[in-house]
Amino acid sequence: MPALEALRSLGAGLSRITERWVPDSWVICMGLTAVVLALAVGGAGAGVEEAVVAWGDGVWTLLSLGMQFAISLVAAYACVTSRPAFRLLDRLAAIPDPDRPRQAIALIGLFSMAAGYLNAAVCTVACALFVPFVARRNPNTDIRVIIAGAYLGLGTVWHGGLSGSAPLILATPGNPLLEPGTGAPIVDRLYPVTETLFLPFNLVYLLVIGSAALGTLLLLHPSRDVRTLTAEQAEAILPKLPPDEPVDDTPAGRVDAFRGWVWLAVVLLAYPLGHSLVTKGFGATWTINAYNTVFLTLALLLHGRPLPFLRACRQGVDTAWGLILQFPFYAGIFGVMQNAGLGAWLGGLFERIATTAGYPLLVYLYSGVMNLFVPSGGSKWLIEAPYLIPAGEEMGVSVITVMLAYAYGDSTTNLIQPLWAIPVLAVTRMRFGDIVGYTFLVALACLAVNIVAMLVIPAAL
């Protein structure tokens, strides 16, 4: 269809522009820092020294939160790269009929959304590893659409799922929005996930947005000019099982291989979590810490022995290094928002340009645009929440409504954000321009659904 081809070309053109003009994420962080300091001085009326000191006061305030998110990435990677996970991926890939490409697209899309609901890091790593299995078992399915299907979880359900950064921050005791260290708190209480992630509105939204995205992608599989991989190409990119290394027959080697260390760690991690679930309930227990406990426990059980577990975690640090480095710099921006008056000034701007009914849509669109430049749901939330939440409350829009609008916008533009495609593109040896035409069309479908959702969310909540 000419219209579809025109939109695909538009998406590919967008990819070429971003690849040429969008710099590294740390450079973007420093550019935003310069903008924030300039706005604090020129807009909020802070002195230069006051703004710089505010940045310095904030830079080390989010180390605990940064470590929590880093561990979540490392633990997720360790789970996905275990031998049982590799075998499971191969069995799942054999389910579709090889002569019916849309079955393979449905499988990879559903897998991506299920993984995205559980854990964004699991989704990123598992889908990158799953694509070659699906391509090998389904040689008649377009590889570009398979990769686009692997992207659906991050673009639809992840921020409304169990690992959603903004909801988990609001639910975690001592979080910087409740206890910023310096300055006034942005929220006056914790918001357990039973009030955010498990709201009926959010659960229905995830079903609708996931169905719309998957349905759109199924329609987009080409009937001609299908781009597939040869058997040799599919085999070349297929991940290999982690080696089952022999035990070093020395006293130290035998101690290192003792499975009892794994079981001791599992009990020490799992028992306090289970005790909290029984005594306090799920809503009060499910925080970032509980989330990390679950995935560390799973990683230990899946690897079974200490050294394979430690090796997988060491490799997983590669996925987390950017977050570890950038979090203090985003914390400095948070400090300027809190302590140099910039948050209040920006909040006033939002109050002047928005209405109560239109504010969720404004937050959704703003969050989506900002995600193209700051592709980190947690750190970006800490930058935006200090002015989005107060402005919303002034207009009678609840904290939960603002947070959900932010989360949905943060997810949608992941579909056209090259950063999150890096793992799957590295595995498949393709360019983002090869797939963005498809993901761009899915993003348009999600945008249409979200416009409706943002107009009804104030009444629904």
Protein backbone atom coordinates (compact mmCIF):
# COMPACT_ATOMS: atom_id res chain seq x y z
CA MET A 1 0.00 0.00 0.00
CA PRO A 2 1.42 3.42 -0.94
CA ALA A 3 0.45 4.99 2.41
CA LEU A 4 2.23 2.28 4.38
CA GLU A 5 5.33 2.53 2.22
CA ALA A 6 5.37 6.31 2.68
CA LEU A 7 5.20 5.93 6.47
CA ARG A 8 7.95 3.30 6.43
CA SER A 9 10.13 5.67 4.45
CA LEU A 10 9.38 8.42 6.96
CA GLY A 11 10.43 6.15 9.82
CA ALA A 12 13.64 5.17 8.06
CA GLY A 13 14.40 8.85 7.43
CA LEU A 14 13.85 9.62 11.11
CA SER A 15 16.33 6.89 12.01
CA ARG A 16 18.98 8.32 9.68
CA ILE A 17 18.54 11.75 11.23
CA THR A 18 18.84 10.49 14.82
CA GLU A 19 21.85 8.31 14.02
CA ARG A 20 23.60 11.30 12.43
CA TRP A 21 22.68 14.05 14.87
CA VAL A 22 21.91 12.52 18.31
CA PRO A 23 25.14 12.21 20.36
CA ASP A 24 26.05 9.78 23.14
CA SER A 25 23.65 9.66 26.11
CA TRP A 26 26.26 11.01 28.59
CA VAL A 27 26.93 13.96 26.27
CA ILE A 28 23.17 14.60 26.17
CA CYS A 29 23.14 14.47 29.97
CA MET A 30 25.81 17.17 30.13
CA GLY A 31 23.98 19.24 27.54
CA LEU A 32 20.81 19.03 29.66
CA THR A 33 22.87 20.02 32.69
CA ALA A 34 23.97 23.19 30.90
CA VAL A 35 20.37 23.94 29.90
CA VAL A 36 19.12 23.37 33.44
CA LEU A 37 21.76 25.66 34.94
CA ALA A 38 20.93 28.35 32.37
CA LEU A 39 17.19 28.08 33.12
CA ALA A 40 17.83 28.22 36.86
CA VAL A 41 19.76 31.47 36.45
CA GLY A 42 17.86 33.08 33.59
CA GLY A 43 14.36 31.80 34.39
CA ALA A 44 14.08 30.95 38.07
CA GLY A 45 16.30 33.86 39.14
CA ALA A 46 18.95 31.83 40.99
CA GLY A 47 22.49 33.13 41.20
CA VAL A 48 25.22 31.33 39.29
CA GLU A 49 26.91 30.21 42.50
CA GLU A 50 23.57 29.14 43.99
CA ALA A 51 22.78 26.99 40.94
CA VAL A 52 26.22 25.37 40.89
CA VAL A 53 26.12 24.63 44.63
CA ALA A 54 22.61 23.18 44.24
CA TRP A 55 23.95 20.87 41.51
CA GLY A 56 26.80 19.80 43.79
CA ASP A 57 24.43 19.21 46.72
CA GLY A 58 22.35 16.87 44.58
CA VAL A 59 25.03 14.91 42.77
CA TRP A 60 25.57 12.25 45.45
CA THR A 61 22.02 12.07 46.82
CA LEU A 62 20.81 9.28 44.50
CA LEU A 63 23.59 6.73 44.95
CA SER A 64 21.30 4.28 46.75
CA LEU A 65 18.67 4.48 44.04
CA GLY A 66 21.30 4.24 41.29
CA MET A 67 22.72 1.08 42.86
CA GLN A 68 19.23 -0.41 43.12
CA PHE A 69 18.62 0.09 39.40
CA ALA A 70 22.10 -1.16 38.50
CA ILE A 71 21.54 -4.40 40.43
CA SER A 72 18.21 -4.88 38.67
CA LEU A 73 20.00 -4.80 35.30
CA VAL A 74 22.79 -7.13 36.43
CA ALA A 75 20.41 -9.67 38.00
CA ALA A 76 18.13 -9.69 34.96
CA TYR A 77 21.09 -10.31 32.65
CA ALA A 78 22.27 -13.17 34.85
CA CYS A 79 18.83 -14.80 34.68
CA VAL A 80 18.52 -14.60 30.91
CA THR A 81 22.02 -15.90 30.14
CA SER A 82 21.65 -19.10 32.16
CA ARG A 83 21.59 -22.53 30.48
CA PRO A 84 17.91 -23.23 31.36
CA ALA A 85 16.89 -19.91 29.78
CA PHE A 86 18.76 -20.71 26.56
CA ARG A 87 17.03 -24.09 26.25
CA LEU A 88 13.62 -22.53 26.92
CA LEU A 89 14.11 -19.96 24.13
CA ASP A 90 14.86 -22.68 21.60
CA ARG A 91 11.75 -24.65 22.55
CA LEU A 92 9.51 -21.59 22.37
CA ALA A 93 10.83 -20.67 18.92
CA ALA A 94 9.69 -24.06 17.57
CA ILE A 95 6.01 -23.41 18.42
CA PRO A 96 4.89 -21.42 15.31
CA ASP A 97 4.18 -23.06 11.96
CA PRO A 98 7.17 -22.11 9.75
CA ASP A 99 4.83 -21.54 6.81
CA ARG A 100 2.73 -18.98 8.70
CA PRO A 101 4.94 -15.96 9.39
CA ARG A 102 2.35 -14.10 11.44
CA GLN A 103 2.45 -16.87 14.05
CA ALA A 104 6.14 -16.17 14.57
CA ILE A 105 5.43 -12.43 14.84
CA ALA A 106 2.68 -13.10 17.39
CA LEU A 107 5.06 -15.29 19.39
CA ILE A 108 7.92 -12.77 19.52
CA GLY A 109 5.51 -9.91 20.25
CA LEU A 110 3.76 -11.73 23.10
CA PHE A 111 7.11 -12.90 24.48
CA SER A 112 8.43 -9.34 24.40
CA MET A 113 5.39 -7.91 26.17
CA ALA A 114 5.40 -10.65 28.82
CA ALA A 115 9.11 -10.05 29.44
CA GLY A 116 8.60 -6.28 29.40
CA TYR A 117 5.83 -6.53 31.99
CA LEU A 118 8.12 -8.52 34.29
CA ASN A 119 11.38 -6.62 33.81
CA ALA A 120 12.66 -4.07 31.29
CA ALA A 121 16.21 -5.44 31.46
CA VAL A 122 15.00 -9.01 30.98
CA CYS A 123 13.01 -7.81 27.98
CA THR A 124 16.03 -6.10 26.43
CA VAL A 125 18.41 -9.03 26.86
CA ALA A 126 15.99 -11.94 26.42
CA CYS A 127 14.45 -10.55 23.24
CA ALA A 128 17.88 -9.89 21.74
CA LEU A 129 18.76 -13.54 22.36
CA PHE A 130 15.34 -14.85 21.28
CA VAL A 131 15.32 -13.23 17.82
CA PRO A 132 17.95 -15.58 16.31
CA PHE A 133 16.07 -18.64 17.62
CA VAL A 134 12.83 -17.40 16.03
CA ALA A 135 14.56 -16.52 12.77
CA ARG A 136 16.20 -19.95 12.54
CA ARG A 137 12.99 -21.87 13.28
CA ASN A 138 10.80 -19.62 11.05
CA PRO A 139 12.79 -19.00 7.86
CA ASN A 140 9.82 -17.49 5.96
CA THR A 141 9.26 -14.65 8.43
CA ASP A 142 10.64 -11.19 7.67
CA ILE A 143 13.60 -10.58 9.98
CA ARG A 144 12.83 -6.86 10.21
CA VAL A 145 9.36 -7.54 11.56
CA ILE A 146 10.72 -10.16 13.98
CA ILE A 147 13.07 -7.53 15.42
CA ALA A 148 10.25 -4.99 15.60
CA GLY A 149 8.19 -7.58 17.50
CA ALA A 150 11.05 -7.98 19.96
CA TYR A 151 10.74 -4.24 20.64
CA LEU A 152 7.05 -4.25 21.61
CA GLY A 153 7.50 -4.86 25.34
CA LEU A 154 9.63 -1.77 25.88
CA GLY A 155 7.32 0.32 23.73
CA THR A 156 4.01 -0.67 25.32
CA VAL A 157 3.82 -2.30 28.75
CA TRP A 158 7.14 -2.00 30.57
CA HIS A 159 6.60 1.24 32.48
CA GLY A 160 3.15 0.10 33.59
CA GLY A 161 4.55 -3.30 34.57
CA LEU A 162 6.31 -4.75 37.58
CA SER A 163 9.63 -3.00 36.87
CA GLY A 164 8.18 0.43 36.04
CA SER A 165 10.72 2.91 37.40
CA ALA A 166 8.35 5.74 38.34
CA PRO A 167 5.83 3.52 40.22
CA LEU A 168 8.60 1.67 42.05
CA ILE A 169 10.29 4.91 43.08
CA LEU A 170 7.02 6.19 44.54
CA ALA A 171 6.59 2.89 46.43
CA THR A 172 10.13 2.65 47.88
CA PRO A 173 10.74 4.04 51.41
CA GLY A 174 13.33 6.81 51.54
CA ASN A 175 12.98 7.64 47.86
CA PRO A 176 14.25 11.11 46.84
CA LEU A 177 10.77 12.43 46.00
CA LEU A 178 9.62 11.73 49.55
CA GLU A 179 12.93 12.43 51.32
CA PRO A 180 15.02 14.60 48.95
CA GLY A 181 17.76 15.25 51.50
CA THR A 182 17.51 19.00 51.01
CA GLY A 183 14.50 21.01 49.93
CA ALA A 184 10.82 20.24 50.39
CA PRO A 185 9.44 16.77 49.58
CA ILE A 186 7.63 16.47 46.25
CA VAL A 187 5.15 13.85 47.51
CA ASP A 188 3.75 13.59 51.02
CA ARG A 189 3.52 9.80 51.29
CA LEU A 190 4.46 6.50 49.68
CA TYR A 191 2.29 5.14 46.88
CA PRO A 192 2.25 1.32 47.04
CA VAL A 193 2.00 -0.52 43.74
CA THR A 194 -1.54 -1.59 44.61
CA GLU A 195 -2.49 2.06 44.05
CA THR A 196 -0.54 2.43 40.79
CA LEU A 197 0.51 -0.67 38.87
CA PHE A 198 -2.49 -2.74 39.95
CA LEU A 199 -5.12 -0.10 39.36
CA PRO A 200 -7.88 -1.49 37.10
CA PHE A 201 -7.27 1.41 34.71
CA ASN A 202 -3.59 0.52 34.31
CA LEU A 203 -4.27 -3.19 33.85
CA VAL A 204 -6.92 -2.53 31.19
CA TYR A 205 -4.63 0.01 29.52
CA LEU A 206 -1.80 -2.53 29.25
CA LEU A 207 -4.12 -5.05 27.57
CA VAL A 208 -5.43 -2.45 25.12
CA ILE A 209 -2.08 -0.91 24.21
CA GLY A 210 -0.43 -4.32 23.85
CA SER A 211 -3.24 -5.60 21.62
CA ALA A 212 -3.15 -2.47 19.45
CA ALA A 213 0.63 -2.68 19.00
CA LEU A 214 0.67 -6.39 18.20
CA GLY A 215 -2.31 -6.12 15.86
CA THR A 216 -0.63 -3.30 13.96
CA LEU A 217 2.60 -5.25 13.58
CA LEU A 218 0.78 -8.36 12.33
CA LEU A 219 -0.79 -6.25 9.59
CA LEU A 220 2.61 -4.90 8.58
CA HIS A 221 4.29 -8.20 7.68
CA PRO A 222 5.01 -7.87 3.95
CA SER A 223 3.40 -10.26 1.50
CA ARG A 224 6.23 -9.74 -1.01
CA ASP A 225 9.85 -8.61 -0.87
CA VAL A 226 10.18 -10.49 2.40
CA ARG A 227 13.65 -10.09 3.90
CA THR A 228 14.77 -13.30 5.57
CA LEU A 229 17.99 -14.89 6.76
CA THR A 230 19.58 -17.87 5.12
CA ALA A 231 20.15 -20.96 7.23
CA GLU A 232 23.84 -20.09 7.42
CA GLN A 233 23.13 -16.50 8.48
CA ALA A 234 20.67 -17.64 11.16
CA GLU A 235 23.16 -20.18 12.49
CA ALA A 236 25.93 -17.58 12.56
CA ILE A 237 24.01 -15.21 14.85
CA LEU A 238 22.55 -17.95 17.06
CA PRO A 239 23.75 -17.54 20.67
CA LYS A 240 25.77 -20.38 22.11
CA LEU A 241 25.06 -22.05 25.42
CA PRO A 242 27.24 -20.83 28.31
CA PRO A 243 30.10 -23.30 28.77
CA ASP A 244 29.69 -25.95 31.44
CA GLU A 245 33.21 -25.67 32.77
CA PRO A 246 34.77 -28.53 34.77
CA VAL A 247 35.38 -28.02 38.47
CA ASP A 248 38.95 -27.07 39.37
CA ASP A 249 40.27 -30.05 41.34
CA THR A 250 42.04 -27.99 44.01
CA PRO A 251 40.88 -27.16 47.55
CA ALA A 252 39.97 -23.63 46.46
CA GLY A 253 38.24 -24.94 43.32
CA ARG A 254 36.13 -27.40 45.29
CA VAL A 255 35.13 -24.68 47.75
CA ASP A 256 34.21 -22.38 44.85
CA ALA A 257 32.05 -25.12 43.29
CA PHE A 258 30.16 -25.93 46.51
CA ARG A 259 26.43 -25.47 45.77
CA GLY A 260 25.74 -24.81 49.43
CA TRP A 261 26.87 -21.19 49.01
CA VAL A 262 24.14 -20.69 46.42
CA TRP A 263 21.48 -22.23 48.65
CA LEU A 264 22.62 -20.17 51.63
CA ALA A 265 22.28 -16.99 49.57
CA VAL A 266 18.86 -18.10 48.25
CA VAL A 267 17.53 -18.71 51.77
CA LEU A 268 18.93 -15.44 53.10
CA LEU A 269 17.37 -13.51 50.23
CA ALA A 270 14.04 -15.34 49.94
CA TYR A 271 13.06 -15.83 53.58
CA PRO A 272 12.93 -12.13 54.60
CA LEU A 273 11.02 -11.33 51.42
CA GLY A 274 8.51 -14.10 52.10
CA HIS A 275 8.18 -12.97 55.71
CA SER A 276 7.42 -9.43 54.58
CA LEU A 277 4.84 -10.64 52.08
CA VAL A 278 3.06 -12.63 54.79
CA THR A 279 3.21 -10.00 57.52
CA LYS A 280 2.91 -6.74 55.53
CA GLY A 281 1.17 -7.76 52.31
CA PHE A 282 2.17 -7.37 48.68
CA GLY A 283 1.43 -3.65 48.39
CA ALA A 284 3.79 -2.70 51.22
CA THR A 285 6.48 -5.19 50.13
CA TRP A 286 6.83 -4.74 46.38
CA THR A 287 9.52 -2.08 46.06
CA ILE A 288 12.74 -1.86 44.08
CA ASN A 289 14.47 -3.86 46.83
CA ALA A 290 11.91 -6.67 46.70
CA TYR A 291 12.10 -6.70 42.93
CA ASN A 292 15.88 -7.09 42.99
CA THR A 293 15.63 -9.82 45.61
CA VAL A 294 13.41 -11.88 43.33
CA PHE A 295 15.73 -11.64 40.34
CA LEU A 296 18.92 -12.24 42.31
CA THR A 297 17.29 -15.36 43.78
CA LEU A 298 16.20 -16.56 40.34
CA ALA A 299 19.68 -15.97 38.91
CA LEU A 300 21.26 -18.00 41.70
CA LEU A 301 18.84 -20.88 41.19
CA LEU A 302 19.18 -20.87 37.40
CA HIS A 303 22.99 -21.01 37.48
CA GLY A 304 23.19 -23.41 40.41
CA ARG A 305 26.85 -22.87 41.25
CA PRO A 306 28.75 -19.80 42.46
CA LEU A 307 31.23 -19.25 39.62
CA PRO A 308 28.74 -19.35 36.69
CA PHE A 309 26.49 -16.98 38.63
CA LEU A 310 29.36 -14.58 39.31
CA ARG A 311 30.56 -14.75 35.70
CA ALA A 312 27.09 -13.88 34.40
CA CYS A 313 26.82 -10.97 36.84
CA ARG A 314 30.20 -9.65 35.77
CA GLN A 315 29.06 -9.71 32.14
CA GLY A 316 25.81 -8.06 33.21
CA VAL A 317 27.70 -5.07 34.56
CA ASP A 318 28.37 -4.15 30.93
CA THR A 319 24.64 -3.50 30.54
CA ALA A 320 24.57 -1.29 33.64
CA TRP A 321 27.73 0.79 33.30
CA GLY A 322 25.98 3.68 31.55
CA LEU A 323 23.39 3.95 34.29
CA ILE A 324 26.05 3.76 37.02
CA LEU A 325 28.04 6.59 35.44
CA GLN A 326 25.13 8.85 34.50
CA PHE A 327 23.00 8.63 37.66
CA PRO A 328 25.13 11.08 39.71
CA PHE A 329 24.97 13.64 36.90
CA TYR A 330 21.19 13.34 36.69
CA ALA A 331 21.14 13.63 40.49
CA GLY A 332 22.89 16.98 40.07
CA ILE A 333 20.05 18.11 37.79
CA PHE A 334 17.61 16.90 40.45
CA GLY A 335 19.46 19.04 42.98
CA VAL A 336 19.05 22.15 40.81
CA MET A 337 15.33 21.40 40.42
CA GLN A 338 14.94 21.11 44.18
CA ASN A 339 17.30 23.68 45.61
CA ALA A 340 17.59 26.49 43.05
CA GLY A 341 13.89 27.13 42.48
CA LEU A 342 13.85 25.68 38.97
CA GLY A 343 11.24 23.03 39.73
CA ALA A 344 8.77 25.60 41.03
CA TRP A 345 9.42 27.89 38.06
CA LEU A 346 8.87 25.12 35.50
CA GLY A 347 5.77 23.99 37.38
CA GLY A 348 4.36 27.49 37.03
CA LEU A 349 4.94 27.36 33.28
CA PHE A 350 3.03 24.10 33.00
CA GLU A 351 0.16 25.53 35.06
CA ARG A 352 -0.13 28.48 32.68
CA ILE A 353 -0.24 26.46 29.46
CA ALA A 354 -2.37 23.49 30.59
CA THR A 355 -5.92 22.81 31.71
CA THR A 356 -7.00 20.19 34.21
CA ALA A 357 -8.56 18.02 31.49
CA GLY A 358 -5.62 18.40 29.11
CA TYR A 359 -2.79 18.08 31.63
CA PRO A 360 -2.38 14.25 31.40
CA LEU A 361 -2.06 14.47 27.61
CA LEU A 362 0.49 17.28 27.95
CA VAL A 363 2.52 15.20 30.43
CA TYR A 364 2.30 12.15 28.13
CA LEU A 365 3.55 14.07 25.08
CA TYR A 366 6.26 15.90 27.05
CA SER A 367 7.52 12.67 28.61
CA GLY A 368 7.63 10.98 25.22
CA VAL A 369 9.66 13.77 23.64
CA MET A 370 12.07 13.94 26.57
CA ASN A 371 12.57 10.17 26.36
CA LEU A 372 14.23 10.63 22.99
CA PHE A 373 16.95 12.64 24.74
CA VAL A 374 17.02 11.05 28.23
CA PRO A 375 16.19 7.36 27.61
CA SER A 376 16.14 6.38 31.29
CA GLY A 377 12.73 6.13 32.89
CA GLY A 378 14.00 6.41 36.46
CA SER A 379 16.46 9.29 36.17
CA LYS A 380 14.14 11.23 33.86
CA TRP A 381 11.29 10.84 36.35
CA LEU A 382 13.47 12.37 39.05
CA ILE A 383 14.17 15.33 36.74
CA GLU A 384 10.55 15.89 35.73
CA ALA A 385 8.58 14.94 38.86
CA PRO A 386 9.68 18.01 40.90
CA TYR A 387 7.66 20.27 38.59
CA LEU A 388 5.13 17.94 36.93
CA ILE A 389 3.63 16.72 40.22
CA PRO A 390 3.21 20.13 41.94
CA ALA A 391 1.77 21.66 38.76
CA GLY A 392 -0.70 18.80 38.51
CA GLU A 393 -1.75 19.13 42.13
CA GLU A 394 -2.37 22.85 41.64
CA MET A 395 -4.80 21.94 38.86
CA GLY A 396 -6.42 19.12 40.82
CA VAL A 397 -4.65 16.31 38.92
CA SER A 398 -3.55 13.51 41.25
CA VAL A 399 0.02 12.26 41.69
CA ILE A 400 -1.04 8.85 40.33
CA THR A 401 -2.53 10.38 37.19
CA VAL A 402 0.62 12.40 36.52
CA MET A 403 2.83 9.37 37.13
CA LEU A 404 0.84 7.10 34.79
CA ALA A 405 0.76 9.73 32.03
CA TYR A 406 4.52 10.10 32.40
CA ALA A 407 5.03 6.31 32.33
CA TYR A 408 2.95 5.79 29.20
CA GLY A 409 4.72 8.57 27.32
CA ASP A 410 8.09 7.21 28.38
CA SER A 411 7.17 3.81 26.88
CA THR A 412 5.75 4.92 23.52
CA THR A 413 8.83 6.66 22.17
CA ASN A 414 11.03 3.70 23.10
CA LEU A 415 9.73 2.34 19.77
CA ILE A 416 11.73 5.00 17.91
CA GLN A 417 14.62 5.32 20.38
CA PRO A 418 17.78 3.73 18.88
CA LEU A 419 19.47 3.17 22.27
CA TRP A 420 17.28 0.26 23.36
CA ALA A 421 17.71 -1.47 19.99
CA ILE A 422 21.47 -1.80 20.43
CA PRO A 423 21.45 -5.35 21.97
CA VAL A 424 19.15 -6.90 19.35
CA LEU A 425 20.86 -5.09 16.47
CA ALA A 426 24.26 -6.21 17.73
CA VAL A 427 23.07 -9.82 17.76
CA THR A 428 21.39 -9.70 14.35
CA ARG A 429 24.02 -7.45 12.70
CA MET A 430 21.42 -5.04 11.34
CA ARG A 431 20.88 -1.28 11.47
CA PHE A 432 18.16 0.61 13.27
CA GLY A 433 17.13 2.08 9.93
CA ASP A 434 16.15 -1.44 8.82
CA ILE A 435 13.41 -1.71 11.44
CA VAL A 436 12.34 1.79 12.45
CA GLY A 437 9.87 2.03 9.59
CA TYR A 438 7.88 -0.74 11.25
CA THR A 439 8.30 0.43 14.84
CA PHE A 440 7.37 3.97 13.80
CA LEU A 441 4.01 2.76 12.50
CA VAL A 442 3.42 0.85 15.72
CA ALA A 443 4.28 4.00 17.66
CA LEU A 444 1.65 5.92 15.70
CA ALA A 445 -0.96 3.31 16.62
CA CYS A 446 0.09 3.56 20.28
CA LEU A 447 -0.10 7.35 20.09
CA ALA A 448 -3.71 7.16 18.91
CA VAL A 449 -4.64 4.83 21.77
CA ASN A 450 -2.86 7.04 24.29
CA ILE A 451 -4.56 10.24 23.18
CA VAL A 452 -7.88 8.61 24.03
CA ALA A 453 -6.49 7.18 27.29
CA MET A 454 -5.14 10.55 28.43
CA LEU A 455 -8.51 12.24 27.82
CA VAL A 456 -10.40 9.67 29.91
CA ILE A 457 -7.82 9.06 32.67
CA PRO A 458 -8.91 11.97 34.95
CA ALA A 459 -12.46 10.61 35.12
CA ALA A 460 -11.26 6.99 35.42
CA LEU A 461 -9.07 7.77 38.44
